[in-house]
Amino acid sequence: MTENIKQMFSKMNDETRQEALECLLTEFNQESTKQIRKNWIIGGRIPENHQERIVRIFQNLLRTQIYKTNEIKVNL
């Protein structure tokens, strides 16, 4: 599941990545988005009990990102 989370994170644009990190910071009462990125995402040391929730969060954020991208294309 960790690899799936990493892949989803890599598909996010900068804005969505920041939103994802801030969401994880709040959701799991962490102290630093930098630590989440370094230890959980890049390091692959995501607590097992959080992984399922993170997948759902990332799926929703990616869905929103795609919707926003499509909206921009339509408005052009």
PDB file of N, CA and C in Angstrom:
ATOM      1  N   MET A   1       0.824  -1.196   0.000  1.00  0.00           N
ATOM      2  CA  MET A   1       0.000   0.000   0.000  1.00  0.00           C
ATOM      3  C   MET A   1       0.869   1.260   0.000  1.00  0.00           C
ATOM      4  N   THR A   2       2.053   1.162   0.594  1.00  0.00           N
ATOM      5  CA  THR A   2       2.964   2.305   0.646  1.00  0.00           C
ATOM      6  C   THR A   2       3.347   2.766  -0.758  1.00  0.00           C
ATOM      7  N   GLU A   3       3.618   1.816  -1.650  1.00  0.00           N
ATOM      8  CA  GLU A   3       3.976   2.171  -3.028  1.00  0.00           C
ATOM      9  C   GLU A   3       2.815   2.862  -3.735  1.00  0.00           C
ATOM     10  N   ASN A   4       1.612   2.419  -3.483  1.00  0.00           N
ATOM     11  CA  ASN A   4       0.420   3.038  -4.053  1.00  0.00           C
ATOM     12  C   ASN A   4       0.311   4.496  -3.586  1.00  0.00           C
ATOM     13  N   ILE A   5       0.566   4.722  -2.317  1.00  0.00           N
ATOM     14  CA  ILE A   5       0.512   6.077  -1.764  1.00  0.00           C
ATOM     15  C   ILE A   5       1.586   6.947  -2.405  1.00  0.00           C
ATOM     16  N   LYS A   6       2.786   6.414  -2.559  1.00  0.00           N
ATOM     17  CA  LYS A   6       3.877   7.160  -3.201  1.00  0.00           C
ATOM     18  C   LYS A   6       3.516   7.526  -4.640  1.00  0.00           C
ATOM     19  N   GLN A   7       2.926   6.586  -5.366  1.00  0.00           N
ATOM     20  CA  GLN A   7       2.540   6.843  -6.752  1.00  0.00           C
ATOM     21  C   GLN A   7       1.479   7.934  -6.843  1.00  0.00           C
ATOM     22  N   MET A   8       0.506   7.865  -5.957  1.00  0.00           N
ATOM     23  CA  MET A   8      -0.530   8.904  -5.957  1.00  0.00           C
ATOM     24  C   MET A   8       0.079  10.267  -5.641  1.00  0.00           C
ATOM     25  N   PHE A   9       0.986  10.304  -4.675  1.00  0.00           N
ATOM     26  CA  PHE A   9       1.628  11.564  -4.297  1.00  0.00           C
ATOM     27  C   PHE A   9       2.414  12.135  -5.480  1.00  0.00           C
ATOM     28  N   SER A  10       3.068  11.264  -6.243  1.00  0.00           N
ATOM     29  CA  SER A  10       3.863  11.733  -7.386  1.00  0.00           C
ATOM     30  C   SER A  10       2.981  12.287  -8.506  1.00  0.00           C
ATOM     31  N   LYS A  11       1.713  11.886  -8.559  1.00  0.00           N
ATOM     32  CA  LYS A  11       0.790  12.382  -9.582  1.00  0.00           C
ATOM     33  C   LYS A  11       0.179  13.736  -9.221  1.00  0.00           C
ATOM     34  N   MET A  12       0.399  14.168  -7.996  1.00  0.00           N
ATOM     35  CA  MET A  12      -0.183  15.436  -7.546  1.00  0.00           C
ATOM     36  C   MET A  12       0.659  16.617  -8.033  1.00  0.00           C
ATOM     37  N   ASN A  13      -0.043  17.711  -8.360  1.00  0.00           N
ATOM     38  CA  ASN A  13       0.687  18.936  -8.656  1.00  0.00           C
ATOM     39  C   ASN A  13       1.103  19.578  -7.328  1.00  0.00           C
ATOM     40  N   ASP A  14       1.881  20.643  -7.393  1.00  0.00           N
ATOM     41  CA  ASP A  14       2.423  21.252  -6.168  1.00  0.00           C
ATOM     42  C   ASP A  14       1.334  21.690  -5.190  1.00  0.00           C
ATOM     43  N   GLU A  15       0.285  22.268  -5.722  1.00  0.00           N
ATOM     44  CA  GLU A  15      -0.815  22.749  -4.876  1.00  0.00           C
ATOM     45  C   GLU A  15      -1.504  21.589  -4.146  1.00  0.00           C
ATOM     46  N   THR A  16      -1.757  20.525  -4.872  1.00  0.00           N
ATOM     47  CA  THR A  16      -2.425  19.359  -4.291  1.00  0.00           C
ATOM     48  C   THR A  16      -1.513  18.669  -3.284  1.00  0.00           C
ATOM     49  N   ARG A  17      -0.221  18.601  -3.580  1.00  0.00           N
ATOM     50  CA  ARG A  17       0.730  17.994  -2.635  1.00  0.00           C
ATOM     51  C   ARG A  17       0.730  18.743  -1.315  1.00  0.00           C
ATOM     52  N   GLN A  18       0.761  20.060  -1.387  1.00  0.00           N
ATOM     53  CA  GLN A  18       0.766  20.849  -0.162  1.00  0.00           C
ATOM     54  C   GLN A  18      -0.530  20.632   0.615  1.00  0.00           C
ATOM     55  N   GLU A  19      -1.633  20.599  -0.099  1.00  0.00           N
ATOM     56  CA  GLU A  19      -2.926  20.346   0.538  1.00  0.00           C
ATOM     57  C   GLU A  19      -2.942  18.964   1.198  1.00  0.00           C
ATOM     58  N   ALA A  20      -2.364  17.979   0.526  1.00  0.00           N
ATOM     59  CA  ALA A  20      -2.299  16.613   1.067  1.00  0.00           C
ATOM     60  C   ALA A  20      -1.480  16.576   2.350  1.00  0.00           C
ATOM     61  N   LEU A  21      -0.326  17.218   2.335  1.00  0.00           N
ATOM     62  CA  LEU A  21       0.540  17.224   3.519  1.00  0.00           C
ATOM     63  C   LEU A  21      -0.141  17.924   4.695  1.00  0.00           C
ATOM     64  N   GLU A  22      -0.803  19.037   4.414  1.00  0.00           N
ATOM     65  CA  GLU A  22      -1.507  19.758   5.471  1.00  0.00           C
ATOM     66  C   GLU A  22      -2.672  18.942   6.017  1.00  0.00           C
ATOM     67  N   CYS A  23      -3.330  18.222   5.139  1.00  0.00           N
ATOM     68  CA  CYS A  23      -4.434  17.363   5.557  1.00  0.00           C
ATOM     69  C   CYS A  23      -3.925  16.248   6.478  1.00  0.00           C
ATOM     70  N   LEU A  24      -2.811  15.624   6.112  1.00  0.00           N
ATOM     71  CA  LEU A  24      -2.235  14.567   6.946  1.00  0.00           C
ATOM     72  C   LEU A  24      -1.761  15.126   8.281  1.00  0.00           C
ATOM     73  N   LEU A  25      -1.220  16.328   8.251  1.00  0.00           N
ATOM     74  CA  LEU A  25      -0.774  16.990   9.478  1.00  0.00           C
ATOM     75  C   LEU A  25      -1.929  17.120  10.463  1.00  0.00           C
ATOM     76  N   THR A  26      -3.062  17.575   9.979  1.00  0.00           N
ATOM     77  CA  THR A  26      -4.244  17.759  10.816  1.00  0.00           C
ATOM     78  C   THR A  26      -4.888  16.431  11.206  1.00  0.00           C
ATOM     79  N   GLU A  27      -5.063  15.567  10.219  1.00  0.00           N
ATOM     80  CA  GLU A  27      -5.761  14.293  10.424  1.00  0.00           C
ATOM     81  C   GLU A  27      -5.075  13.410  11.461  1.00  0.00           C
ATOM     82  N   PHE A  28      -3.743  13.397  11.434  1.00  0.00           N
ATOM     83  CA  PHE A  28      -3.000  12.481  12.298  1.00  0.00           C
ATOM     84  C   PHE A  28      -2.202  13.196  13.387  1.00  0.00           C
ATOM     85  N   ASN A  29      -2.541  14.454  13.649  1.00  0.00           N
ATOM     86  CA  ASN A  29      -1.935  15.236  14.732  1.00  0.00           C
ATOM     87  C   ASN A  29      -0.407  15.202  14.705  1.00  0.00           C
ATOM     88  N   GLN A  30       0.159  15.466  13.530  1.00  0.00           N
ATOM     89  CA  GLN A  30       1.606  15.503  13.388  1.00  0.00           C
ATOM     90  C   GLN A  30       2.105  16.932  13.588  1.00  0.00           C
ATOM     91  N   GLU A  31       3.407  17.080  13.717  1.00  0.00           N
ATOM     92  CA  GLU A  31       3.974  18.393  14.017  1.00  0.00           C
ATOM     93  C   GLU A  31       4.504  19.131  12.798  1.00  0.00           C
ATOM     94  N   SER A  32       4.860  18.410  11.723  1.00  0.00           N
ATOM     95  CA  SER A  32       5.523  19.059  10.602  1.00  0.00           C
ATOM     96  C   SER A  32       5.190  18.371   9.282  1.00  0.00           C
ATOM     97  N   THR A  33       4.831  19.178   8.283  1.00  0.00           N
ATOM     98  CA  THR A  33       4.586  18.617   6.956  1.00  0.00           C
ATOM     99  C   THR A  33       5.892  18.102   6.355  1.00  0.00           C
ATOM    100  N   LYS A  34       7.002  18.748   6.707  1.00  0.00           N
ATOM    101  CA  LYS A  34       8.307  18.287   6.198  1.00  0.00           C
ATOM    102  C   LYS A  34       8.624  16.887   6.700  1.00  0.00           C
ATOM    103  N   GLN A  35       8.308  16.621   7.957  1.00  0.00           N
ATOM    104  CA  GLN A  35       8.552  15.293   8.520  1.00  0.00           C
ATOM    105  C   GLN A  35       7.645  14.241   7.881  1.00  0.00           C
ATOM    106  N   ILE A  36       6.403  14.614   7.626  1.00  0.00           N
ATOM    107  CA  ILE A  36       5.475  13.686   6.965  1.00  0.00           C
ATOM    108  C   ILE A  36       6.015  13.329   5.584  1.00  0.00           C
ATOM    109  N   ARG A  37       6.420  14.351   4.849  1.00  0.00           N
ATOM    110  CA  ARG A  37       6.949  14.125   3.497  1.00  0.00           C
ATOM    111  C   ARG A  37       8.217  13.266   3.538  1.00  0.00           C
ATOM    112  N   LYS A  38       9.133  13.626   4.410  1.00  0.00           N
ATOM    113  CA  LYS A  38      10.425  12.942   4.483  1.00  0.00           C
ATOM    114  C   LYS A  38      10.286  11.509   4.998  1.00  0.00           C
ATOM    115  N   ASN A  39       9.600  11.331   6.110  1.00  0.00           N
ATOM    116  CA  ASN A  39       9.525  10.017   6.755  1.00  0.00           C
ATOM    117  C   ASN A  39       8.438   9.124   6.173  1.00  0.00           C
ATOM    118  N   TRP A  40       7.249   9.668   5.985  1.00  0.00           N
ATOM    119  CA  TRP A  40       6.133   8.842   5.547  1.00  0.00           C
ATOM    120  C   TRP A  40       6.150   8.616   4.032  1.00  0.00           C
ATOM    121  N   ILE A  41       6.186   9.710   3.266  1.00  0.00           N
ATOM    122  CA  ILE A  41       6.032   9.585   1.817  1.00  0.00           C
ATOM    123  C   ILE A  41       7.336   9.129   1.156  1.00  0.00           C
ATOM    124  N   ILE A  42       8.393   9.892   1.320  1.00  0.00           N
ATOM    125  CA  ILE A  42       9.664   9.550   0.675  1.00  0.00           C
ATOM    126  C   ILE A  42      10.293   8.326   1.329  1.00  0.00           C
ATOM    127  N   GLY A  43      10.315   8.292   2.657  1.00  0.00           N
ATOM    128  CA  GLY A  43      10.937   7.188   3.376  1.00  0.00           C
ATOM    129  C   GLY A  43      10.116   5.913   3.381  1.00  0.00           C
ATOM    130  N   GLY A  44       8.840   6.016   3.057  1.00  0.00           N
ATOM    131  CA  GLY A  44       7.983   4.832   3.007  1.00  0.00           C
ATOM    132  C   GLY A  44       7.651   4.254   4.369  1.00  0.00           C
ATOM    133  N   ARG A  45       7.771   5.069   5.416  1.00  0.00           N
ATOM    134  CA  ARG A  45       7.496   4.588   6.769  1.00  0.00           C
ATOM    135  C   ARG A  45       6.147   5.118   7.268  1.00  0.00           C
ATOM    136  N   ILE A  46       5.130   4.831   6.497  1.00  0.00           N
ATOM    137  CA  ILE A  46       3.779   5.267   6.854  1.00  0.00           C
ATOM    138  C   ILE A  46       3.229   4.268   7.864  1.00  0.00           C
ATOM    139  N   PRO A  47       2.767   4.747   9.017  1.00  0.00           N
ATOM    140  CA  PRO A  47       2.174   3.815   9.990  1.00  0.00           C
ATOM    141  C   PRO A  47       1.060   2.998   9.339  1.00  0.00           C
ATOM    142  N   GLU A  48       1.109   1.712   9.545  1.00  0.00           N
ATOM    143  CA  GLU A  48       0.165   0.805   8.883  1.00  0.00           C
ATOM    144  C   GLU A  48      -1.291   1.152   9.194  1.00  0.00           C
ATOM    145  N   ASN A  49      -1.550   1.579  10.407  1.00  0.00           N
ATOM    146  CA  ASN A  49      -2.931   1.894  10.786  1.00  0.00           C
ATOM    147  C   ASN A  49      -3.452   3.178  10.119  1.00  0.00           C
ATOM    148  N   HIS A  50      -2.571   3.962   9.480  1.00  0.00           N
ATOM    149  CA  HIS A  50      -2.979   5.185   8.780  1.00  0.00           C
ATOM    150  C   HIS A  50      -3.097   4.986   7.270  1.00  0.00           C
ATOM    151  N   GLN A  51      -2.547   3.925   6.743  1.00  0.00           N
ATOM    152  CA  GLN A  51      -2.420   3.783   5.295  1.00  0.00           C
ATOM    153  C   GLN A  51      -3.754   3.793   4.552  1.00  0.00           C
ATOM    154  N   GLU A  52      -4.731   3.083   5.049  1.00  0.00           N
ATOM    155  CA  GLU A  52      -6.023   3.025   4.366  1.00  0.00           C
ATOM    156  C   GLU A  52      -6.672   4.411   4.293  1.00  0.00           C
ATOM    157  N   ARG A  53      -6.596   5.147   5.369  1.00  0.00           N
ATOM    158  CA  ARG A  53      -7.170   6.502   5.402  1.00  0.00           C
ATOM    159  C   ARG A  53      -6.413   7.434   4.448  1.00  0.00           C
ATOM    160  N   ILE A  54      -5.086   7.298   4.400  1.00  0.00           N
ATOM    161  CA  ILE A  54      -4.284   8.137   3.508  1.00  0.00           C
ATOM    162  C   ILE A  54      -4.637   7.852   2.052  1.00  0.00           C
ATOM    163  N   VAL A  55      -4.850   6.602   1.709  1.00  0.00           N
ATOM    164  CA  VAL A  55      -5.253   6.258   0.341  1.00  0.00           C
ATOM    165  C   VAL A  55      -6.561   6.963  -0.007  1.00  0.00           C
ATOM    166  N   ARG A  56      -7.525   6.922   0.878  1.00  0.00           N
ATOM    167  CA  ARG A  56      -8.814   7.590   0.615  1.00  0.00           C
ATOM    168  C   ARG A  56      -8.647   9.103   0.469  1.00  0.00           C
ATOM    169  N   ILE A  57      -7.837   9.694   1.343  1.00  0.00           N
ATOM    170  CA  ILE A  57      -7.579  11.138   1.273  1.00  0.00           C
ATOM    171  C   ILE A  57      -6.933  11.489  -0.059  1.00  0.00           C
ATOM    172  N   PHE A  58      -5.897  10.740  -0.440  1.00  0.00           N
ATOM    173  CA  PHE A  58      -5.181  11.013  -1.685  1.00  0.00           C
ATOM    174  C   PHE A  58      -6.073  10.801  -2.905  1.00  0.00           C
ATOM    175  N   GLN A  59      -6.916   9.776  -2.886  1.00  0.00           N
ATOM    176  CA  GLN A  59      -7.835   9.544  -3.999  1.00  0.00           C
ATOM    177  C   GLN A  59      -8.771  10.735  -4.173  1.00  0.00           C
ATOM    178  N   ASN A  60      -9.294  11.239  -3.078  1.00  0.00           N
ATOM    179  CA  ASN A  60     -10.205  12.390  -3.148  1.00  0.00           C
ATOM    180  C   ASN A  60      -9.485  13.641  -3.641  1.00  0.00           C
ATOM    181  N   LEU A  61      -8.262  13.851  -3.175  1.00  0.00           N
ATOM    182  CA  LEU A  61      -7.505  15.026  -3.610  1.00  0.00           C
ATOM    183  C   LEU A  61      -7.157  14.932  -5.097  1.00  0.00           C
ATOM    184  N   LEU A  62      -6.788  13.761  -5.564  1.00  0.00           N
ATOM    185  CA  LEU A  62      -6.492  13.588  -6.987  1.00  0.00           C
ATOM    186  C   LEU A  62      -7.744  13.773  -7.836  1.00  0.00           C
ATOM    187  N   ARG A  63      -8.858  13.291  -7.352  1.00  0.00           N
ATOM    188  CA  ARG A  63     -10.125  13.466  -8.063  1.00  0.00           C
ATOM    189  C   ARG A  63     -10.436  14.960  -8.198  1.00  0.00           C
ATOM    190  N   THR A  64     -10.239  15.698  -7.129  1.00  0.00           N
ATOM    191  CA  THR A  64     -10.470  17.145  -7.152  1.00  0.00           C
ATOM    192  C   THR A  64      -9.493  17.838  -8.096  1.00  0.00           C
ATOM    193  N   GLN A  65      -8.237  17.400  -8.076  1.00  0.00           N
ATOM    194  CA  GLN A  65      -7.225  17.977  -8.963  1.00  0.00           C
ATOM    195  C   GLN A  65      -7.615  17.779 -10.429  1.00  0.00           C
ATOM    196  N   ILE A  66      -8.065  16.586 -10.768  1.00  0.00           N
ATOM    197  CA  ILE A  66      -8.479  16.292 -12.139  1.00  0.00           C
ATOM    198  C   ILE A  66      -9.686  17.146 -12.520  1.00  0.00           C
ATOM    199  N   TYR A  67     -10.623  17.286 -11.605  1.00  0.00           N
ATOM    200  CA  TYR A  67     -11.812  18.105 -11.859  1.00  0.00           C
ATOM    201  C   TYR A  67     -11.410  19.559 -12.139  1.00  0.00           C
ATOM    202  N   LYS A  68     -10.505  20.091 -11.328  1.00  0.00           N
ATOM    203  CA  LYS A  68     -10.050  21.478 -11.518  1.00  0.00           C
ATOM    204  C   LYS A  68      -9.337  21.636 -12.856  1.00  0.00           C
ATOM    205  N   THR A  69      -8.516  20.666 -13.218  1.00  0.00           N
ATOM    206  CA  THR A  69      -7.798  20.712 -14.495  1.00  0.00           C
ATOM    207  C   THR A  69      -8.770  20.686 -15.656  1.00  0.00           C
ATOM    208  N   ASN A  70      -9.756  19.827 -15.586  1.00  0.00           N
ATOM    209  CA  ASN A  70     -10.754  19.752 -16.639  1.00  0.00           C
ATOM    210  C   ASN A  70     -11.571  21.029 -16.720  1.00  0.00           C
ATOM    211  N   GLU A  71     -11.844  21.626 -15.598  1.00  0.00           N
ATOM    212  CA  GLU A  71     -12.605  22.886 -15.563  1.00  0.00           C
ATOM    213  C   GLU A  71     -11.824  23.995 -16.253  1.00  0.00           C
ATOM    214  N   ILE A  72     -10.530  24.031 -16.040  1.00  0.00           N
ATOM    215  CA  ILE A  72      -9.686  25.039 -16.685  1.00  0.00           C
ATOM    216  C   ILE A  72      -9.696  24.837 -18.200  1.00  0.00           C
ATOM    217  N   LYS A  73      -9.596  23.593 -18.655  1.00  0.00           N
ATOM    218  CA  LYS A  73      -9.604  23.305 -20.087  1.00  0.00           C
ATOM    219  C   LYS A  73     -10.913  23.744 -20.736  1.00  0.00           C
ATOM    220  N   VAL A  74     -12.022  23.518 -20.060  1.00  0.00           N
ATOM    221  CA  VAL A  74     -13.335  23.890 -20.583  1.00  0.00           C
ATOM    222  C   VAL A  74     -13.456  25.404 -20.687  1.00  0.00           C
ATOM    223  N   ASN A  75     -12.908  26.129 -19.743  1.00  0.00           N
ATOM    224  CA  ASN A  75     -13.013  27.585 -19.735  1.00  0.00           C
ATOM    225  C   ASN A  75     -12.097  28.256 -20.760  1.00  0.00           C
ATOM    226  N   LEU A  76     -11.134  27.525 -21.283  1.00  0.00           N
ATOM    227  CA  LEU A  76     -10.250  28.099 -22.293  1.00  0.00           C
ATOM    228  C   LEU A  76     -10.989  28.122 -23.590  1.00  0.00           C
TER     229      LEU A  76
END
